[in-house]
Amino acid sequence: MRSFLGFLPLVLWTGTATAAVPAADLLWAKGDYRGAFAQAIEPAIRGDAHAQFLIGEAYRLGRSVDPNFPQAEQWYARAAGQGDIAAATELGLLLAGQHLESAAVPWLTLAAQHGEPRALCALAAIYFNGDAVERDEARAYALMTRAAAAGLPEAQTGLATLRRLLPPEMQFRGMALIPSALPAPAPQPVAERLASAPPLSPRRAAPFRVQVGAYRSAEAAERAWTTLARQIDGIRKIDHSVLRSKSMYRLQAELADATAARIFCRTLEAAGRRFLARSSARLI
């Protein structure tokens, strides 16, 4: 029974930024997404959690770059691993929206432990449906009640639906479960707490990299990849990374194996691409 997951898309696209990278946040709030991306990308590469969250938002929503869910997942995961609850929420919702509930549950649970209403609402749907967890209608009712009490409209609608679907005795059990519907946040650092979490998705880590070019700024490298994805079919499905090396930023494609890497290089050659960089595409 998946119908209850209809609540998730209502919650998925309403993320907001917090004020940890002020210049980028200000530009984002004004709708200058290109400027916000330019301000956030280098701090993100250096490890700033909120900047990583903003880059994830840009890739998820397609703001100044083409939409790219794998890239959004990667940036959200970096931020969430440092304790950014907004990133944990968006990552969990993004994964749940792709029906990757087993990967989503740890991140949603982390966010819900901190009272995030959208995470509570999403977990309620997951527990009601029994997706990647044992079905638990009482827990679903408790979580949805907490989300509705926080004022989330989607949760209030969901709670009304649960009241129609569940018998009074199950609702009573759910109300009694509210104080213990989720365990308290663990005291150890977030990165340690999530070390044993399931992988983000069934995708395998890429052991082969192809260097596409080297650029003087991280923004230039990201925009080169966006341009490449627009010009060559299939490129946007490939993961990429930008690595800082002294004063340059190396743009690299990430492939599953040597065969995929060679196909990627041949694809670039066939398309006639010649990058204005210090090195042409090559295996790393």
C-alpha atoms as a PDB file:
ATOM      1  CA  MET A   1       0.000   0.000   0.000  1.00  0.00           C
ATOM      2  CA  ARG A   2       1.810   3.128  -1.230  1.00  0.00           C
ATOM      3  CA  SER A   3      -1.036   5.615  -1.460  1.00  0.00           C
ATOM      4  CA  PHE A   4      -0.120   7.324   1.778  1.00  0.00           C
ATOM      5  CA  LEU A   5       3.228   8.360   0.339  1.00  0.00           C
ATOM      6  CA  GLY A   6       1.237  10.861  -1.671  1.00  0.00           C
ATOM      7  CA  PHE A   7       1.935  13.202   1.218  1.00  0.00           C
ATOM      8  CA  LEU A   8       5.665  13.222   0.550  1.00  0.00           C
ATOM      9  CA  PRO A   9       5.774  15.328  -2.647  1.00  0.00           C
ATOM     10  CA  LEU A  10       3.875  18.050  -0.793  1.00  0.00           C
ATOM     11  CA  VAL A  11       6.692  18.251   1.716  1.00  0.00           C
ATOM     12  CA  LEU A  12       9.639  17.632  -0.563  1.00  0.00           C
ATOM     13  CA  TRP A  13      10.154  20.959  -2.282  1.00  0.00           C
ATOM     14  CA  THR A  14       9.800  23.500   0.502  1.00  0.00           C
ATOM     15  CA  GLY A  15      13.354  23.629   1.901  1.00  0.00           C
ATOM     16  CA  THR A  16      14.708  26.943   3.158  1.00  0.00           C
ATOM     17  CA  ALA A  17      18.232  28.128   3.880  1.00  0.00           C
ATOM     18  CA  THR A  18      19.706  29.066   7.228  1.00  0.00           C
ATOM     19  CA  ALA A  19      22.166  31.874   7.801  1.00  0.00           C
ATOM     20  CA  ALA A  20      25.581  30.221   7.958  1.00  0.00           C
ATOM     21  CA  VAL A  21      27.038  31.654   4.709  1.00  0.00           C
ATOM     22  CA  PRO A  22      25.543  35.171   4.885  1.00  0.00           C
ATOM     23  CA  ALA A  23      26.499  36.464   1.439  1.00  0.00           C
ATOM     24  CA  ALA A  24      25.260  33.333  -0.316  1.00  0.00           C
ATOM     25  CA  ASP A  25      22.070  33.255   1.768  1.00  0.00           C
ATOM     26  CA  LEU A  26      21.307  36.884   0.948  1.00  0.00           C
ATOM     27  CA  LEU A  27      21.770  36.345  -2.784  1.00  0.00           C
ATOM     28  CA  TRP A  28      19.667  33.169  -2.643  1.00  0.00           C
ATOM     29  CA  ALA A  29      16.851  35.015  -0.869  1.00  0.00           C
ATOM     30  CA  LYS A  30      16.939  37.690  -3.598  1.00  0.00           C
ATOM     31  CA  GLY A  31      16.658  35.083  -6.322  1.00  0.00           C
ATOM     32  CA  ASP A  32      20.240  35.589  -7.548  1.00  0.00           C
ATOM     33  CA  TYR A  33      20.962  31.862  -7.646  1.00  0.00           C
ATOM     34  CA  ARG A  34      24.007  32.211  -9.871  1.00  0.00           C
ATOM     35  CA  GLY A  35      25.552  34.647  -7.426  1.00  0.00           C
ATOM     36  CA  ALA A  36      24.630  32.441  -4.468  1.00  0.00           C
ATOM     37  CA  PHE A  37      26.230  29.427  -6.128  1.00  0.00           C
ATOM     38  CA  ALA A  38      29.396  31.408  -6.815  1.00  0.00           C
ATOM     39  CA  GLN A  39      29.584  32.505  -3.176  1.00  0.00           C
ATOM     40  CA  ALA A  40      28.909  29.029  -1.778  1.00  0.00           C
ATOM     41  CA  ILE A  41      30.878  26.638  -3.972  1.00  0.00           C
ATOM     42  CA  GLU A  42      34.384  27.304  -2.646  1.00  0.00           C
ATOM     43  CA  PRO A  43      33.361  27.236   1.050  1.00  0.00           C
ATOM     44  CA  ALA A  44      31.479  24.031   0.250  1.00  0.00           C
ATOM     45  CA  ILE A  45      34.573  22.413  -1.223  1.00  0.00           C
ATOM     46  CA  ARG A  46      36.544  23.531   1.844  1.00  0.00           C
ATOM     47  CA  GLY A  47      33.985  21.769   4.054  1.00  0.00           C
ATOM     48  CA  ASP A  48      31.498  24.418   5.202  1.00  0.00           C
ATOM     49  CA  ALA A  49      28.324  22.459   6.003  1.00  0.00           C
ATOM     50  CA  HIS A  50      25.804  25.162   5.209  1.00  0.00           C
ATOM     51  CA  ALA A  51      27.547  26.019   1.935  1.00  0.00           C
ATOM     52  CA  GLN A  52      27.344  22.320   1.045  1.00  0.00           C
ATOM     53  CA  PHE A  53      23.631  22.421   1.846  1.00  0.00           C
ATOM     54  CA  LEU A  54      23.147  25.393  -0.508  1.00  0.00           C
ATOM     55  CA  ILE A  55      24.968  23.619  -3.337  1.00  0.00           C
ATOM     56  CA  GLY A  56      22.725  20.619  -2.737  1.00  0.00           C
ATOM     57  CA  GLU A  57      19.700  22.903  -2.976  1.00  0.00           C
ATOM     58  CA  ALA A  58      20.987  24.342  -6.256  1.00  0.00           C
ATOM     59  CA  TYR A  59      21.390  20.886  -7.798  1.00  0.00           C
ATOM     60  CA  ARG A  60      18.062  19.612  -6.486  1.00  0.00           C
ATOM     61  CA  LEU A  61      16.052  22.601  -7.668  1.00  0.00           C
ATOM     62  CA  GLY A  62      18.051  23.391 -10.803  1.00  0.00           C
ATOM     63  CA  ARG A  63      18.980  26.890  -9.638  1.00  0.00           C
ATOM     64  CA  SER A  64      21.869  28.227 -11.797  1.00  0.00           C
ATOM     65  CA  VAL A  65      22.823  24.626 -12.721  1.00  0.00           C
ATOM     66  CA  ASP A  66      20.920  21.794 -14.352  1.00  0.00           C
ATOM     67  CA  PRO A  67      18.929  19.648 -11.894  1.00  0.00           C
ATOM     68  CA  ASN A  68      21.044  16.702 -10.799  1.00  0.00           C
ATOM     69  CA  PHE A  69      19.741  14.476  -7.996  1.00  0.00           C
ATOM     70  CA  PRO A  70      22.944  12.420  -7.564  1.00  0.00           C
ATOM     71  CA  GLN A  71      24.929  15.627  -7.080  1.00  0.00           C
ATOM     72  CA  ALA A  72      22.304  16.992  -4.695  1.00  0.00           C
ATOM     73  CA  GLU A  73      22.504  13.766  -2.666  1.00  0.00           C
ATOM     74  CA  GLN A  74      26.279  13.982  -2.420  1.00  0.00           C
ATOM     75  CA  TRP A  75      26.322  17.594  -1.235  1.00  0.00           C
ATOM     76  CA  TYR A  76      23.465  17.050   1.223  1.00  0.00           C
ATOM     77  CA  ALA A  77      25.241  13.992   2.639  1.00  0.00           C
ATOM     78  CA  ARG A  78      28.440  15.960   3.231  1.00  0.00           C
ATOM     79  CA  ALA A  79      26.506  18.620   5.109  1.00  0.00           C
ATOM     80  CA  ALA A  80      24.290  16.181   7.012  1.00  0.00           C
ATOM     81  CA  GLY A  81      27.333  14.213   8.120  1.00  0.00           C
ATOM     82  CA  GLN A  82      28.519  17.381   9.866  1.00  0.00           C
ATOM     83  CA  GLY A  83      25.200  17.834  11.660  1.00  0.00           C
ATOM     84  CA  ASP A  84      23.303  20.104   9.266  1.00  0.00           C
ATOM     85  CA  ILE A  85      19.692  19.141  10.023  1.00  0.00           C
ATOM     86  CA  ALA A  86      18.268  20.971   7.003  1.00  0.00           C
ATOM     87  CA  ALA A  87      20.552  18.891   4.769  1.00  0.00           C
ATOM     88  CA  ALA A  88      19.580  15.663   6.558  1.00  0.00           C
ATOM     89  CA  THR A  89      15.929  16.550   6.011  1.00  0.00           C
ATOM     90  CA  GLU A  90      16.278  17.326   2.321  1.00  0.00           C
ATOM     91  CA  LEU A  91      18.435  14.264   1.720  1.00  0.00           C
ATOM     92  CA  GLY A  92      15.919  12.004   3.430  1.00  0.00           C
ATOM     93  CA  LEU A  93      13.008  13.506   1.524  1.00  0.00           C
ATOM     94  CA  LEU A  94      14.861  13.334  -1.773  1.00  0.00           C
ATOM     95  CA  LEU A  95      15.664   9.660  -1.278  1.00  0.00           C
ATOM     96  CA  ALA A  96      12.147   8.836  -0.088  1.00  0.00           C
ATOM     97  CA  GLY A  97      10.732  10.618  -3.136  1.00  0.00           C
ATOM     98  CA  GLN A  98      12.725   8.160  -5.287  1.00  0.00           C
ATOM     99  CA  HIS A  99      11.338   5.213  -3.244  1.00  0.00           C
ATOM    100  CA  LEU A 100      14.753   4.596  -1.639  1.00  0.00           C
ATOM    101  CA  GLU A 101      13.221   4.432   1.814  1.00  0.00           C
ATOM    102  CA  SER A 102      15.881   2.190   3.353  1.00  0.00           C
ATOM    103  CA  ALA A 103      18.475   4.870   2.612  1.00  0.00           C
ATOM    104  CA  ALA A 104      16.134   7.688   3.622  1.00  0.00           C
ATOM    105  CA  VAL A 105      15.088   6.445   7.066  1.00  0.00           C
ATOM    106  CA  PRO A 106      18.367   7.150   8.956  1.00  0.00           C
ATOM    107  CA  TRP A 107      18.519  10.732   7.686  1.00  0.00           C
ATOM    108  CA  LEU A 108      14.836  11.397   8.314  1.00  0.00           C
ATOM    109  CA  THR A 109      15.158   9.911  11.781  1.00  0.00           C
ATOM    110  CA  LEU A 110      18.095  12.191  12.567  1.00  0.00           C
ATOM    111  CA  ALA A 111      16.111  15.240  11.450  1.00  0.00           C
ATOM    112  CA  ALA A 112      12.961  14.089  13.245  1.00  0.00           C
ATOM    113  CA  GLN A 113      14.940  13.670  16.467  1.00  0.00           C
ATOM    114  CA  HIS A 114      15.584  17.402  16.234  1.00  0.00           C
ATOM    115  CA  GLY A 115      11.888  18.136  15.750  1.00  0.00           C
ATOM    116  CA  GLU A 116      11.903  18.777  11.986  1.00  0.00           C
ATOM    117  CA  PRO A 117       8.173  18.630  11.038  1.00  0.00           C
ATOM    118  CA  ARG A 118       8.683  17.525   7.434  1.00  0.00           C
ATOM    119  CA  ALA A 119      10.908  14.656   8.543  1.00  0.00           C
ATOM    120  CA  LEU A 120       8.293  13.619  11.119  1.00  0.00           C
ATOM    121  CA  CYS A 121       5.590  13.704   8.446  1.00  0.00           C
ATOM    122  CA  ALA A 122       7.667  11.681   5.986  1.00  0.00           C
ATOM    123  CA  LEU A 123       8.540   9.077   8.620  1.00  0.00           C
ATOM    124  CA  ALA A 124       4.874   8.796   9.531  1.00  0.00           C
ATOM    125  CA  ALA A 125       4.083   7.917   5.912  1.00  0.00           C
ATOM    126  CA  ILE A 126       6.931   5.400   5.778  1.00  0.00           C
ATOM    127  CA  TYR A 127       5.820   3.669   8.993  1.00  0.00           C
ATOM    128  CA  PHE A 128       2.183   3.632   7.871  1.00  0.00           C
ATOM    129  CA  ASN A 129       3.114   2.000   4.567  1.00  0.00           C
ATOM    130  CA  GLY A 130       5.752  -0.320   6.022  1.00  0.00           C
ATOM    131  CA  ASP A 131       8.323   0.826   3.457  1.00  0.00           C
ATOM    132  CA  ALA A 132      11.783  -0.443   4.515  1.00  0.00           C
ATOM    133  CA  VAL A 133      10.515  -0.682   8.119  1.00  0.00           C
ATOM    134  CA  GLU A 134       8.023  -2.887   9.903  1.00  0.00           C
ATOM    135  CA  ARG A 135       4.583  -1.379   9.472  1.00  0.00           C
ATOM    136  CA  ASP A 136       3.566   0.442  12.657  1.00  0.00           C
ATOM    137  CA  GLU A 137       0.279   2.333  12.482  1.00  0.00           C
ATOM    138  CA  ALA A 138       0.494   3.568  16.079  1.00  0.00           C
ATOM    139  CA  ARG A 139       3.976   5.023  15.504  1.00  0.00           C
ATOM    140  CA  ALA A 140       2.784   6.597  12.258  1.00  0.00           C
ATOM    141  CA  TYR A 141      -0.071   8.252  14.136  1.00  0.00           C
ATOM    142  CA  ALA A 142       2.285   9.530  16.860  1.00  0.00           C
ATOM    143  CA  LEU A 143       4.769  10.980  14.365  1.00  0.00           C
ATOM    144  CA  MET A 144       2.044  12.597  12.265  1.00  0.00           C
ATOM    145  CA  THR A 145       0.500  14.103  15.393  1.00  0.00           C
ATOM    146  CA  ARG A 146       3.829  15.688  16.325  1.00  0.00           C
ATOM    147  CA  ALA A 147       4.277  17.071  12.815  1.00  0.00           C
ATOM    148  CA  ALA A 148       0.719  18.445  12.774  1.00  0.00           C
ATOM    149  CA  ALA A 149       1.216  20.062  16.188  1.00  0.00           C
ATOM    150  CA  ALA A 150       4.172  21.964  14.714  1.00  0.00           C
ATOM    151  CA  GLY A 151       1.762  23.552  12.226  1.00  0.00           C
ATOM    152  CA  LEU A 152       2.791  21.728   9.055  1.00  0.00           C
ATOM    153  CA  PRO A 153      -0.280  21.875   6.755  1.00  0.00           C
ATOM    154  CA  GLU A 154       0.565  18.601   4.997  1.00  0.00           C
ATOM    155  CA  ALA A 155       0.820  16.851   8.363  1.00  0.00           C
ATOM    156  CA  GLN A 156      -2.522  18.274   9.481  1.00  0.00           C
ATOM    157  CA  THR A 157      -4.075  16.857   6.327  1.00  0.00           C
ATOM    158  CA  GLY A 158      -2.289  13.565   6.937  1.00  0.00           C
ATOM    159  CA  LEU A 159      -3.494  13.402  10.524  1.00  0.00           C
ATOM    160  CA  ALA A 160      -7.074  13.955   9.423  1.00  0.00           C
ATOM    161  CA  THR A 161      -6.672  11.081   6.963  1.00  0.00           C
ATOM    162  CA  LEU A 162      -5.247   8.792   9.641  1.00  0.00           C
ATOM    163  CA  ARG A 163      -8.162   9.585  11.899  1.00  0.00           C
ATOM    164  CA  ARG A 164     -10.484   8.354   9.171  1.00  0.00           C
ATOM    165  CA  LEU A 165      -8.428   5.234   8.445  1.00  0.00           C
ATOM    166  CA  LEU A 166      -7.443   4.034  11.906  1.00  0.00           C
ATOM    167  CA  PRO A 167      -9.808   2.678  14.557  1.00  0.00           C
ATOM    168  CA  PRO A 168     -10.062   4.604  17.865  1.00  0.00           C
ATOM    169  CA  GLU A 169      -8.005   2.046  19.792  1.00  0.00           C
ATOM    170  CA  MET A 170      -5.083   2.447  17.358  1.00  0.00           C
ATOM    171  CA  GLN A 171      -5.312   6.223  17.648  1.00  0.00           C
ATOM    172  CA  PHE A 172      -5.246   5.883  21.434  1.00  0.00           C
ATOM    173  CA  ARG A 173      -2.105   3.729  21.205  1.00  0.00           C
ATOM    174  CA  GLY A 174      -0.545   6.328  18.944  1.00  0.00           C
ATOM    175  CA  MET A 175      -1.272   9.149  21.376  1.00  0.00           C
ATOM    176  CA  ALA A 176       0.324   7.142  24.195  1.00  0.00           C
ATOM    177  CA  LEU A 177       3.412   6.587  22.016  1.00  0.00           C
ATOM    178  CA  ILE A 178       4.065  10.271  21.269  1.00  0.00           C
ATOM    179  CA  PRO A 179       6.710  10.816  23.997  1.00  0.00           C
ATOM    180  CA  SER A 180       8.700   7.798  22.819  1.00  0.00           C
ATOM    181  CA  ALA A 181       7.938   7.681  19.103  1.00  0.00           C
ATOM    182  CA  LEU A 182      11.600   8.433  18.394  1.00  0.00           C
ATOM    183  CA  PRO A 183      14.694   7.854  20.516  1.00  0.00           C
ATOM    184  CA  ALA A 184      16.467  10.903  21.918  1.00  0.00           C
ATOM    185  CA  PRO A 185      19.440  12.156  19.839  1.00  0.00           C
ATOM    186  CA  ALA A 186      22.604  10.242  20.667  1.00  0.00           C
ATOM    187  CA  PRO A 187      25.298  12.293  22.451  1.00  0.00           C
ATOM    188  CA  GLN A 188      28.202  11.325  20.176  1.00  0.00           C
ATOM    189  CA  PRO A 189      29.104  13.428  17.093  1.00  0.00           C
ATOM    190  CA  VAL A 190      26.721  13.175  14.157  1.00  0.00           C
ATOM    191  CA  ALA A 191      29.392  11.831  11.808  1.00  0.00           C
ATOM    192  CA  GLU A 192      30.012   8.904  14.189  1.00  0.00           C
ATOM    193  CA  ARG A 193      26.304   8.331  14.694  1.00  0.00           C
ATOM    194  CA  LEU A 194      25.744   8.014  10.941  1.00  0.00           C
ATOM    195  CA  ALA A 195      28.844   5.973  10.178  1.00  0.00           C
ATOM    196  CA  SER A 196      26.840   2.748  10.022  1.00  0.00           C
ATOM    197  CA  ALA A 197      23.921   4.212   8.072  1.00  0.00           C
ATOM    198  CA  PRO A 198      22.981   2.504   4.775  1.00  0.00           C
ATOM    199  CA  PRO A 199      24.563   3.922   1.600  1.00  0.00           C
ATOM    200  CA  LEU A 200      22.737   6.836  -0.011  1.00  0.00           C
ATOM    201  CA  SER A 201      21.443   4.736  -2.850  1.00  0.00           C
ATOM    202  CA  PRO A 202      22.187   1.526  -4.749  1.00  0.00           C
ATOM    203  CA  ARG A 203      24.809   3.428  -6.771  1.00  0.00           C
ATOM    204  CA  ARG A 204      28.333   2.088  -6.323  1.00  0.00           C
ATOM    205  CA  ALA A 205      31.210   4.420  -5.478  1.00  0.00           C
ATOM    206  CA  ALA A 206      33.137   5.251  -8.647  1.00  0.00           C
ATOM    207  CA  PRO A 207      36.696   3.863  -8.632  1.00  0.00           C
ATOM    208  CA  PHE A 208      37.617   5.412 -11.991  1.00  0.00           C
ATOM    209  CA  ARG A 209      37.925   9.132 -12.640  1.00  0.00           C
ATOM    210  CA  VAL A 210      38.405  10.998 -15.902  1.00  0.00           C
ATOM    211  CA  GLN A 211      39.817  14.493 -15.660  1.00  0.00           C
ATOM    212  CA  VAL A 212      37.869  16.784 -17.932  1.00  0.00           C
ATOM    213  CA  GLY A 213      39.769  19.984 -17.290  1.00  0.00           C
ATOM    214  CA  ALA A 214      41.366  22.359 -14.793  1.00  0.00           C
ATOM    215  CA  TYR A 215      39.905  25.768 -13.986  1.00  0.00           C
ATOM    216  CA  ARG A 216      40.780  28.817 -11.935  1.00  0.00           C
ATOM    217  CA  SER A 217      37.605  28.684  -9.838  1.00  0.00           C
ATOM    218  CA  ALA A 218      35.246  26.021  -8.591  1.00  0.00           C
ATOM    219  CA  GLU A 219      32.339  27.900 -10.134  1.00  0.00           C
ATOM    220  CA  ALA A 220      33.997  27.782 -13.557  1.00  0.00           C
ATOM    221  CA  ALA A 221      34.500  24.036 -13.209  1.00  0.00           C
ATOM    222  CA  GLU A 222      30.857  23.456 -12.242  1.00  0.00           C
ATOM    223  CA  ARG A 223      29.632  25.590 -15.113  1.00  0.00           C
ATOM    224  CA  ALA A 224      31.885  23.708 -17.535  1.00  0.00           C
ATOM    225  CA  TRP A 225      30.188  20.480 -16.471  1.00  0.00           C
ATOM    226  CA  THR A 226      26.740  22.041 -16.890  1.00  0.00           C
ATOM    227  CA  THR A 227      27.681  23.184 -20.398  1.00  0.00           C
ATOM    228  CA  LEU A 228      29.028  19.739 -21.223  1.00  0.00           C
ATOM    229  CA  ALA A 229      25.821  18.079 -19.998  1.00  0.00           C
ATOM    230  CA  ARG A 230      23.740  20.326 -22.222  1.00  0.00           C
ATOM    231  CA  GLN A 231      25.805  19.546 -25.311  1.00  0.00           C
ATOM    232  CA  ILE A 232      26.303  15.789 -25.020  1.00  0.00           C
ATOM    233  CA  ASP A 233      23.457  13.342 -24.424  1.00  0.00           C
ATOM    234  CA  GLY A 234      23.831  11.119 -21.389  1.00  0.00           C
ATOM    235  CA  ILE A 235      26.500  13.185 -19.622  1.00  0.00           C
ATOM    236  CA  ARG A 236      24.132  14.554 -16.988  1.00  0.00           C
ATOM    237  CA  LYS A 237      23.575  11.004 -15.700  1.00  0.00           C
ATOM    238  CA  ILE A 238      27.270  10.723 -14.805  1.00  0.00           C
ATOM    239  CA  ASP A 239      28.506  11.888 -11.401  1.00  0.00           C
ATOM    240  CA  HIS A 240      31.335  14.398 -11.233  1.00  0.00           C
ATOM    241  CA  SER A 241      33.498  16.104  -8.653  1.00  0.00           C
ATOM    242  CA  VAL A 242      35.581  19.265  -8.368  1.00  0.00           C
ATOM    243  CA  LEU A 243      38.865  18.872  -6.480  1.00  0.00           C
ATOM    244  CA  ARG A 244      41.122  21.747  -5.486  1.00  0.00           C
ATOM    245  CA  SER A 245      44.789  21.397  -6.427  1.00  0.00           C
ATOM    246  CA  LYS A 246      46.880  24.401  -5.379  1.00  0.00           C
ATOM    247  CA  SER A 247      45.399  27.341  -7.291  1.00  0.00           C
ATOM    248  CA  MET A 248      43.426  25.214  -9.779  1.00  0.00           C
ATOM    249  CA  TYR A 249      40.177  23.256  -9.607  1.00  0.00           C
ATOM    250  CA  ARG A 250      40.162  19.874 -11.322  1.00  0.00           C
ATOM    251  CA  LEU A 251      36.869  18.799 -12.906  1.00  0.00           C
ATOM    252  CA  GLN A 252      36.581  15.009 -12.950  1.00  0.00           C
ATOM    253  CA  ALA A 253      33.934  12.581 -14.162  1.00  0.00           C
ATOM    254  CA  GLU A 254      33.319   9.533 -11.965  1.00  0.00           C
ATOM    255  CA  LEU A 255      32.766   6.217 -13.734  1.00  0.00           C
ATOM    256  CA  ALA A 256      31.961   2.721 -12.514  1.00  0.00           C
ATOM    257  CA  ASP A 257      34.884   0.927 -14.191  1.00  0.00           C
ATOM    258  CA  ALA A 258      37.627   1.206 -16.804  1.00  0.00           C
ATOM    259  CA  THR A 259      35.269   0.303 -19.651  1.00  0.00           C
ATOM    260  CA  ALA A 260      32.847   3.077 -18.713  1.00  0.00           C
ATOM    261  CA  ALA A 261      35.772   5.500 -18.441  1.00  0.00           C
ATOM    262  CA  ARG A 262      37.015   4.641 -21.939  1.00  0.00           C
ATOM    263  CA  ILE A 263      33.497   5.022 -23.354  1.00  0.00           C
ATOM    264  CA  PHE A 264      33.261   8.428 -21.705  1.00  0.00           C
ATOM    265  CA  CYS A 265      36.570   9.524 -23.263  1.00  0.00           C
ATOM    266  CA  ARG A 266      35.481   8.290 -26.696  1.00  0.00           C
ATOM    267  CA  THR A 267      32.186  10.142 -26.284  1.00  0.00           C
ATOM    268  CA  LEU A 268      34.041  13.390 -25.668  1.00  0.00           C
ATOM    269  CA  GLU A 269      36.298  12.781 -28.646  1.00  0.00           C
ATOM    270  CA  ALA A 270      33.358  11.944 -30.912  1.00  0.00           C
ATOM    271  CA  ALA A 271      31.598  15.138 -29.860  1.00  0.00           C
ATOM    272  CA  GLY A 272      34.651  17.129 -30.866  1.00  0.00           C
ATOM    273  CA  ARG A 273      35.035  18.772 -27.452  1.00  0.00           C
ATOM    274  CA  ARG A 274      38.324  20.551 -26.809  1.00  0.00           C
ATOM    275  CA  PHE A 275      38.392  21.999 -23.330  1.00  0.00           C
ATOM    276  CA  LEU A 276      40.192  25.225 -22.510  1.00  0.00           C
ATOM    277  CA  ALA A 277      42.088  23.720 -19.629  1.00  0.00           C
ATOM    278  CA  ARG A 278      45.590  22.649 -18.718  1.00  0.00           C
ATOM    279  CA  SER A 279      44.873  19.022 -19.497  1.00  0.00           C
ATOM    280  CA  SER A 280      42.574  17.164 -21.832  1.00  0.00           C
ATOM    281  CA  ALA A 281      40.322  14.343 -20.708  1.00  0.00           C
ATOM    282  CA  ARG A 282      42.430  11.548 -19.267  1.00  0.00           C
ATOM    283  CA  LEU A 283      42.119   8.688 -16.812  1.00  0.00           C
ATOM    284  CA  ILE A 284      43.195   9.542 -13.251  1.00  0.00           C
END
